[in-house]
Amino acid sequence: MTPLTPRTPRGYRGEPSRDELAAAQQVVDLFATEALLALDRFERSFPAGAAGRERQVADRLAHWWQKLQLDDVRLDPAGTDAEQILGAAADLSLDPENDWGVSLEEASAQAVNRAALDGRTLPVTTVADLRTDFETAYGDRVKVPERDDEWLVQSLTRFARASVLRDVIAEGAHVRVSEPLRAAANELVRQGQQLTDDRRQLDVQQAVPAKGSFTGHARNFAGLWAYSTVVGMTGAPFWAQVAMNTPASALFLASWHEQRRQQKAFEHRLDPAQAQLRSVRADLIGNLDTTQPPTRRDNAALRNAANRRTGPGR
């Protein structure tokens, strides 16, 4: 984090660096992602093609969006893919003329359409990608609430608080906020930079896969199948076919066991990086859950400094 100079007036931050803004954006993205995953889990709890599923998903998101007063959250139209999808889902859910409801697939498509109309880089991440990334980042040891509502409420609340702190960081010396809010913004930057570093470390570990690969194993299986087919076409007695197939089968089994061993070694290598990400996530949750809400003066200062609309409709 860029140290503040003694000239910075009390209650202000210094001008933010690019790294600070990126760190704050990483945190906003983290909890936008978790809100989408909570909603995704709720959506997938319905049988495929269930009538009224989209309406119930929209009602669920709209209920908590309004109850948590998230209309005051300034969403970044050019934010991360997760933030753009969440914003599109909120818009669709809150639209009084939308009787159909919302699916996360439709929200993703809407996010792409908006970016295209605005001439921005198109979001390429799907909710399925977010689900996979979440599992890859933390392994199977991260604890999230079992109730979809609880996870959704927690994630939306943390997303909202992180968004406010991102605004404090982005406005820098242009806005004066209360000391607790400024301190929380400074801590968000520190933790966000740690999150970025830890995610980069995991990416490095993942970039060096085990020597064996699923492709290689599939190739061995295809070779065994082709060899067995040829042996079967020889018309040799059954016992002779078994004898001819035995060496190839043994080689295939040895390859399979080696693949499993290397895969387990690869997963073991990822454990420290995943554990570190789980740790920084827990720190972020602790910071955001205990952050004092902005005062009316804070909110007014941020609105005046940004001079732009609030709420999901951008």
Protein backbone atom coordinates (compact mmCIF):
# COMPACT_ATOMS: atom_id res chain seq x y z
CA MET A 1 0.00 0.00 0.00
CA THR A 2 1.31 3.43 -0.90
CA PRO A 3 2.21 5.25 2.36
CA LEU A 4 0.39 8.48 3.03
CA THR A 5 2.43 11.65 3.19
CA PRO A 6 2.26 13.95 6.23
CA ARG A 7 0.57 16.55 4.01
CA THR A 8 -2.57 14.45 3.61
CA PRO A 9 -5.31 16.15 5.65
CA ARG A 10 -6.83 14.16 8.45
CA GLY A 11 -9.73 12.01 7.23
CA TYR A 12 -8.44 11.91 3.64
CA ARG A 13 -6.48 9.25 1.80
CA GLY A 14 -3.70 10.01 -0.61
CA GLU A 15 -4.28 9.68 -4.32
CA PRO A 16 -4.78 5.97 -4.98
CA SER A 17 -2.27 4.01 -6.99
CA ARG A 18 -3.29 1.59 -9.69
CA ASP A 19 -2.33 -1.32 -7.44
CA GLU A 20 -4.54 -0.02 -4.62
CA LEU A 21 -7.54 0.29 -6.91
CA ALA A 22 -6.93 -3.20 -8.29
CA ALA A 23 -6.67 -4.60 -4.76
CA ALA A 24 -9.99 -3.06 -3.76
CA GLN A 25 -11.57 -4.35 -6.95
CA GLN A 26 -10.38 -7.87 -6.12
CA VAL A 27 -12.26 -7.76 -2.81
CA VAL A 28 -15.44 -6.42 -4.41
CA ASP A 29 -15.17 -9.19 -7.00
CA LEU A 30 -14.74 -11.84 -4.30
CA PHE A 31 -18.04 -11.07 -2.60
CA ALA A 32 -19.92 -10.32 -5.82
CA THR A 33 -18.87 -13.81 -6.85
CA GLU A 34 -20.07 -15.34 -3.60
CA ALA A 35 -23.43 -13.58 -3.89
CA LEU A 36 -23.83 -15.02 -7.38
CA LEU A 37 -22.82 -18.48 -6.20
CA ALA A 38 -25.36 -18.34 -3.38
CA LEU A 39 -28.02 -17.36 -5.89
CA ASP A 40 -26.75 -20.02 -8.29
CA ARG A 41 -27.07 -22.68 -5.59
CA PHE A 42 -30.65 -21.57 -4.97
CA GLU A 43 -31.41 -21.63 -8.70
CA ARG A 44 -29.97 -25.13 -9.12
CA SER A 45 -32.01 -26.42 -6.18
CA PHE A 46 -35.05 -26.49 -8.48
CA PRO A 47 -35.62 -29.43 -10.82
CA ALA A 48 -34.61 -28.76 -14.42
CA GLY A 49 -37.37 -26.90 -16.22
CA ALA A 50 -39.34 -26.25 -13.02
CA ALA A 51 -42.15 -23.77 -13.59
CA GLY A 52 -41.68 -20.43 -11.87
CA ARG A 53 -38.02 -20.97 -11.03
CA GLU A 54 -36.91 -17.71 -12.65
CA ARG A 55 -39.62 -15.78 -10.82
CA GLN A 56 -38.56 -17.20 -7.47
CA VAL A 57 -34.91 -16.41 -8.13
CA ALA A 58 -35.82 -12.82 -9.02
CA ASP A 59 -38.04 -12.46 -5.96
CA ARG A 60 -35.29 -13.78 -3.70
CA LEU A 61 -32.66 -11.37 -5.00
CA ALA A 62 -35.06 -8.39 -5.10
CA HIS A 63 -36.20 -9.05 -1.53
CA TRP A 64 -32.71 -8.96 -0.05
CA TRP A 65 -31.46 -6.21 -2.37
CA GLN A 66 -34.19 -3.92 -1.09
CA LYS A 67 -34.05 -5.10 2.52
CA LEU A 68 -30.29 -4.45 2.65
CA GLN A 69 -30.81 -1.08 0.91
CA LEU A 70 -28.33 -1.88 -1.84
CA ASP A 71 -29.77 0.84 -4.08
CA ASP A 72 -27.26 3.10 -2.34
CA VAL A 73 -24.34 0.97 -3.55
CA ARG A 74 -22.53 2.41 -6.53
CA LEU A 75 -21.91 -0.47 -8.90
CA ASP A 76 -19.12 -0.06 -11.42
CA PRO A 77 -20.49 -0.66 -14.93
CA ALA A 78 -16.95 -1.51 -16.02
CA GLY A 79 -16.21 -3.63 -12.95
CA THR A 80 -15.30 -7.28 -12.87
CA ASP A 81 -17.38 -9.84 -14.72
CA ALA A 82 -18.98 -10.96 -11.45
CA GLU A 83 -19.98 -7.41 -10.52
CA GLN A 84 -21.47 -6.81 -13.97
CA ILE A 85 -23.49 -10.05 -13.84
CA LEU A 86 -24.71 -9.26 -10.33
CA GLY A 87 -25.74 -5.76 -11.42
CA ALA A 88 -27.64 -7.14 -14.43
CA ALA A 89 -29.37 -9.73 -12.21
CA ALA A 90 -30.41 -6.99 -9.77
CA ASP A 91 -31.78 -4.83 -12.57
CA LEU A 92 -33.83 -7.69 -13.97
CA SER A 93 -35.10 -8.66 -10.53
CA LEU A 94 -36.16 -5.12 -9.64
CA ASP A 95 -37.75 -4.31 -13.00
CA PRO A 96 -41.53 -4.01 -12.34
CA GLU A 97 -42.26 -4.85 -15.97
CA ASN A 98 -40.31 -8.10 -15.85
CA ASP A 99 -42.94 -10.73 -15.07
CA TRP A 100 -40.77 -13.66 -16.16
CA GLY A 101 -38.07 -13.30 -13.53
CA VAL A 102 -34.35 -13.88 -13.91
CA SER A 103 -31.90 -16.66 -14.54
CA LEU A 104 -28.18 -16.22 -14.06
CA GLU A 105 -27.68 -17.27 -17.66
CA GLU A 106 -29.90 -14.39 -18.77
CA ALA A 107 -28.13 -11.99 -16.39
CA SER A 108 -24.78 -13.00 -17.92
CA ALA A 109 -26.15 -12.36 -21.40
CA GLN A 110 -27.48 -8.97 -20.32
CA ALA A 111 -24.06 -8.05 -18.90
CA VAL A 112 -22.48 -8.88 -22.26
CA ASN A 113 -25.09 -6.85 -24.16
CA ARG A 114 -24.56 -3.80 -21.94
CA ALA A 115 -20.81 -3.93 -22.38
CA ALA A 116 -21.23 -4.22 -26.16
CA LEU A 117 -23.56 -1.22 -26.27
CA ASP A 118 -21.16 0.84 -24.14
CA GLY A 119 -18.15 -0.18 -26.21
CA ARG A 120 -16.49 -1.85 -23.22
CA THR A 121 -14.56 -5.11 -23.06
CA LEU A 122 -17.11 -7.91 -23.00
CA PRO A 123 -17.33 -10.04 -19.85
CA VAL A 124 -16.33 -13.61 -20.69
CA THR A 125 -16.84 -15.34 -17.35
CA THR A 126 -19.91 -17.50 -16.79
CA VAL A 127 -21.40 -18.46 -13.45
CA ALA A 128 -20.16 -22.01 -14.10
CA ASP A 129 -16.65 -20.54 -14.43
CA LEU A 130 -17.09 -18.70 -11.12
CA ARG A 131 -18.18 -21.93 -9.47
CA THR A 132 -15.12 -23.76 -10.78
CA ASP A 133 -12.76 -20.93 -9.80
CA PHE A 134 -14.20 -20.86 -6.27
CA GLU A 135 -13.62 -24.58 -5.84
CA THR A 136 -10.13 -24.32 -7.30
CA ALA A 137 -9.17 -21.38 -5.10
CA TYR A 138 -10.17 -22.90 -1.78
CA GLY A 139 -10.32 -26.63 -2.38
CA ASP A 140 -13.12 -28.39 -0.54
CA ARG A 141 -12.37 -26.94 2.88
CA VAL A 142 -13.92 -23.48 2.77
CA LYS A 143 -17.03 -23.22 4.92
CA VAL A 144 -20.06 -21.40 3.59
CA PRO A 145 -23.54 -21.30 5.16
CA GLU A 146 -25.74 -24.25 4.26
CA ARG A 147 -28.79 -22.02 3.85
CA ASP A 148 -28.81 -20.17 0.54
CA ASP A 149 -30.47 -17.12 2.11
CA GLU A 150 -27.82 -16.82 4.79
CA TRP A 151 -24.95 -17.03 2.31
CA LEU A 152 -26.67 -14.58 -0.02
CA VAL A 153 -27.31 -12.03 2.73
CA GLN A 154 -23.77 -12.29 4.08
CA SER A 155 -22.23 -11.97 0.62
CA LEU A 156 -24.40 -9.03 -0.43
CA THR A 157 -23.66 -7.22 2.83
CA ARG A 158 -19.92 -7.73 2.42
CA PHE A 159 -20.12 -6.77 -1.23
CA ALA A 160 -21.88 -3.53 -0.29
CA ARG A 161 -19.34 -2.66 2.40
CA ALA A 162 -16.40 -3.48 0.14
CA SER A 163 -17.95 -1.29 -2.59
CA VAL A 164 -18.17 1.67 -0.21
CA LEU A 165 -14.55 1.20 0.81
CA ARG A 166 -13.58 0.98 -2.85
CA ASP A 167 -15.25 4.37 -3.33
CA VAL A 168 -13.23 5.80 -0.43
CA ILE A 169 -10.05 4.51 -2.03
CA ALA A 170 -10.99 5.68 -5.53
CA GLU A 171 -11.88 9.22 -4.42
CA GLY A 172 -8.64 9.53 -2.48
CA ALA A 173 -7.85 13.12 -1.52
CA HIS A 174 -11.09 14.38 -3.08
CA VAL A 175 -13.29 13.30 -0.20
CA ARG A 176 -13.05 13.46 3.56
CA VAL A 177 -14.54 10.55 5.50
CA SER A 178 -14.64 9.49 9.14
CA GLU A 179 -11.51 7.98 10.65
CA PRO A 180 -12.99 4.46 11.12
CA LEU A 181 -14.05 4.35 7.48
CA ARG A 182 -10.67 5.55 6.25
CA ALA A 183 -8.90 2.99 8.46
CA ALA A 184 -11.15 0.24 7.11
CA ALA A 185 -10.34 1.34 3.55
CA ASN A 186 -6.62 1.19 4.28
CA GLU A 187 -7.03 -2.31 5.71
CA LEU A 188 -9.08 -3.37 2.68
CA VAL A 189 -6.22 -2.33 0.42
CA ARG A 190 -3.70 -4.31 2.47
CA GLN A 191 -5.86 -7.42 2.51
CA GLY A 192 -6.81 -7.01 -1.14
CA GLN A 193 -3.15 -6.89 -2.12
CA GLN A 194 -2.56 -10.02 -0.07
CA LEU A 195 -5.49 -11.68 -1.83
CA THR A 196 -4.02 -10.74 -5.21
CA ASP A 197 -0.58 -12.08 -4.28
CA ASP A 198 -2.00 -15.34 -2.92
CA ARG A 199 -4.17 -15.88 -5.99
CA ARG A 200 -1.15 -15.27 -8.20
CA GLN A 201 0.79 -17.85 -6.20
CA LEU A 202 -1.97 -20.41 -6.70
CA ASP A 203 -1.97 -19.67 -10.44
CA VAL A 204 1.78 -20.37 -10.49
CA GLN A 205 1.26 -23.70 -8.75
CA GLN A 206 -1.52 -24.65 -11.15
CA ALA A 207 0.64 -23.76 -14.14
CA VAL A 208 2.96 -26.68 -13.30
CA PRO A 209 0.64 -29.68 -13.58
CA ALA A 210 1.51 -33.25 -12.74
CA LYS A 211 3.63 -35.00 -15.36
CA GLY A 212 0.79 -37.33 -16.26
CA SER A 213 -2.35 -35.94 -17.75
CA PHE A 214 -5.89 -37.02 -18.45
CA THR A 215 -5.12 -36.70 -22.16
CA GLY A 216 -2.20 -39.09 -21.88
CA HIS A 217 -4.27 -41.54 -19.87
CA ALA A 218 -7.09 -41.35 -22.42
CA ARG A 219 -4.58 -41.99 -25.19
CA ASN A 220 -3.35 -45.11 -23.38
CA PHE A 221 -6.93 -46.33 -22.99
CA ALA A 222 -7.62 -45.76 -26.68
CA GLY A 223 -4.47 -47.69 -27.53
CA LEU A 224 -5.50 -50.59 -25.28
CA TRP A 225 -8.98 -50.66 -26.81
CA ALA A 226 -7.58 -50.64 -30.36
CA TYR A 227 -5.08 -53.38 -29.52
CA SER A 228 -7.80 -55.54 -27.91
CA THR A 229 -10.00 -55.06 -30.97
CA VAL A 230 -7.23 -56.24 -33.27
CA VAL A 231 -6.56 -59.24 -31.03
CA GLY A 232 -10.26 -60.10 -31.11
CA MET A 233 -10.24 -60.03 -34.90
CA THR A 234 -7.47 -62.62 -35.13
CA GLY A 235 -9.86 -65.43 -34.33
CA ALA A 236 -7.42 -66.88 -31.80
CA PRO A 237 -8.82 -69.01 -28.98
CA PHE A 238 -10.08 -67.13 -25.93
CA TRP A 239 -7.16 -68.23 -23.74
CA ALA A 240 -4.72 -66.99 -26.40
CA GLN A 241 -6.50 -63.62 -26.62
CA VAL A 242 -6.27 -63.27 -22.84
CA ALA A 243 -2.57 -64.04 -22.95
CA MET A 244 -1.98 -61.45 -25.71
CA ASN A 245 -4.03 -58.80 -23.90
CA THR A 246 -2.42 -59.29 -20.48
CA PRO A 247 0.79 -57.26 -21.07
CA ALA A 248 -1.17 -54.35 -22.57
CA SER A 249 -3.69 -54.43 -19.70
CA ALA A 250 -0.88 -54.47 -17.14
CA LEU A 251 0.74 -51.48 -18.84
CA PHE A 252 -2.59 -49.62 -18.83
CA LEU A 253 -3.17 -50.32 -15.11
CA ALA A 254 0.36 -49.17 -14.28
CA SER A 255 -0.29 -45.97 -16.24
CA TRP A 256 -3.57 -45.41 -14.38
CA HIS A 257 -1.98 -45.88 -10.96
CA GLU A 258 0.87 -43.52 -11.88
CA GLN A 259 -1.65 -40.94 -13.08
CA ARG A 260 -3.54 -41.15 -9.77
CA ARG A 261 -0.31 -40.84 -7.79
CA GLN A 262 0.79 -37.77 -9.71
CA GLN A 263 -2.67 -36.21 -9.43
CA LYS A 264 -2.63 -36.61 -5.64
CA ALA A 265 0.86 -35.10 -5.51
CA PHE A 266 -0.38 -32.17 -7.60
CA GLU A 267 -3.34 -31.60 -5.29
CA HIS A 268 -1.06 -31.80 -2.26
CA ARG A 269 1.16 -29.12 -3.81
CA LEU A 270 -1.84 -26.80 -4.11
CA ASP A 271 -2.87 -27.21 -0.47
CA PRO A 272 -0.61 -24.47 1.00
CA ALA A 273 -1.72 -21.90 -1.59
CA GLN A 274 -5.39 -22.79 -1.06
CA ALA A 275 -4.96 -22.63 2.72
CA GLN A 276 -3.44 -19.15 2.39
CA LEU A 277 -6.38 -18.00 0.28
CA ARG A 278 -8.80 -19.38 2.86
CA SER A 279 -6.90 -17.45 5.52
CA VAL A 280 -7.00 -14.11 3.71
CA ARG A 281 -10.69 -14.64 2.93
CA ALA A 282 -11.35 -15.14 6.63
CA ASP A 283 -9.41 -11.94 7.40
CA LEU A 284 -11.45 -10.00 4.85
CA ILE A 285 -14.69 -11.32 6.31
CA GLY A 286 -13.54 -10.30 9.79
CA ASN A 287 -12.68 -6.80 8.58
CA LEU A 288 -15.89 -6.24 6.61
CA ASP A 289 -18.19 -7.78 9.23
CA THR A 290 -16.84 -5.43 11.89
CA THR A 291 -16.53 -2.31 9.74
CA GLN A 292 -18.68 0.50 11.08
CA PRO A 293 -21.24 1.62 8.49
CA PRO A 294 -20.53 4.96 6.84
CA THR A 295 -22.13 7.96 8.49
CA ARG A 296 -24.58 10.20 6.67
CA ARG A 297 -21.78 12.69 6.22
CA ASP A 298 -19.60 9.94 4.69
CA ASN A 299 -22.33 8.96 2.25
CA ALA A 300 -23.01 12.56 1.29
CA ALA A 301 -19.31 13.24 0.75
CA LEU A 302 -18.92 10.18 -1.46
CA ARG A 303 -22.00 11.03 -3.52
CA ASN A 304 -20.93 14.62 -4.02
CA ALA A 305 -17.41 13.62 -4.98
CA ALA A 306 -18.50 11.06 -7.53
CA ASN A 307 -21.45 13.11 -8.83
CA ARG A 308 -23.11 10.11 -10.39
CA ARG A 309 -26.22 8.02 -9.90
CA THR A 310 -26.45 5.19 -7.39
CA GLY A 311 -28.22 1.87 -7.43
CA PRO A 312 -28.25 -1.04 -9.88
CA GLY A 313 -29.66 0.97 -12.79
CA ARG A 314 -26.62 2.64 -14.27
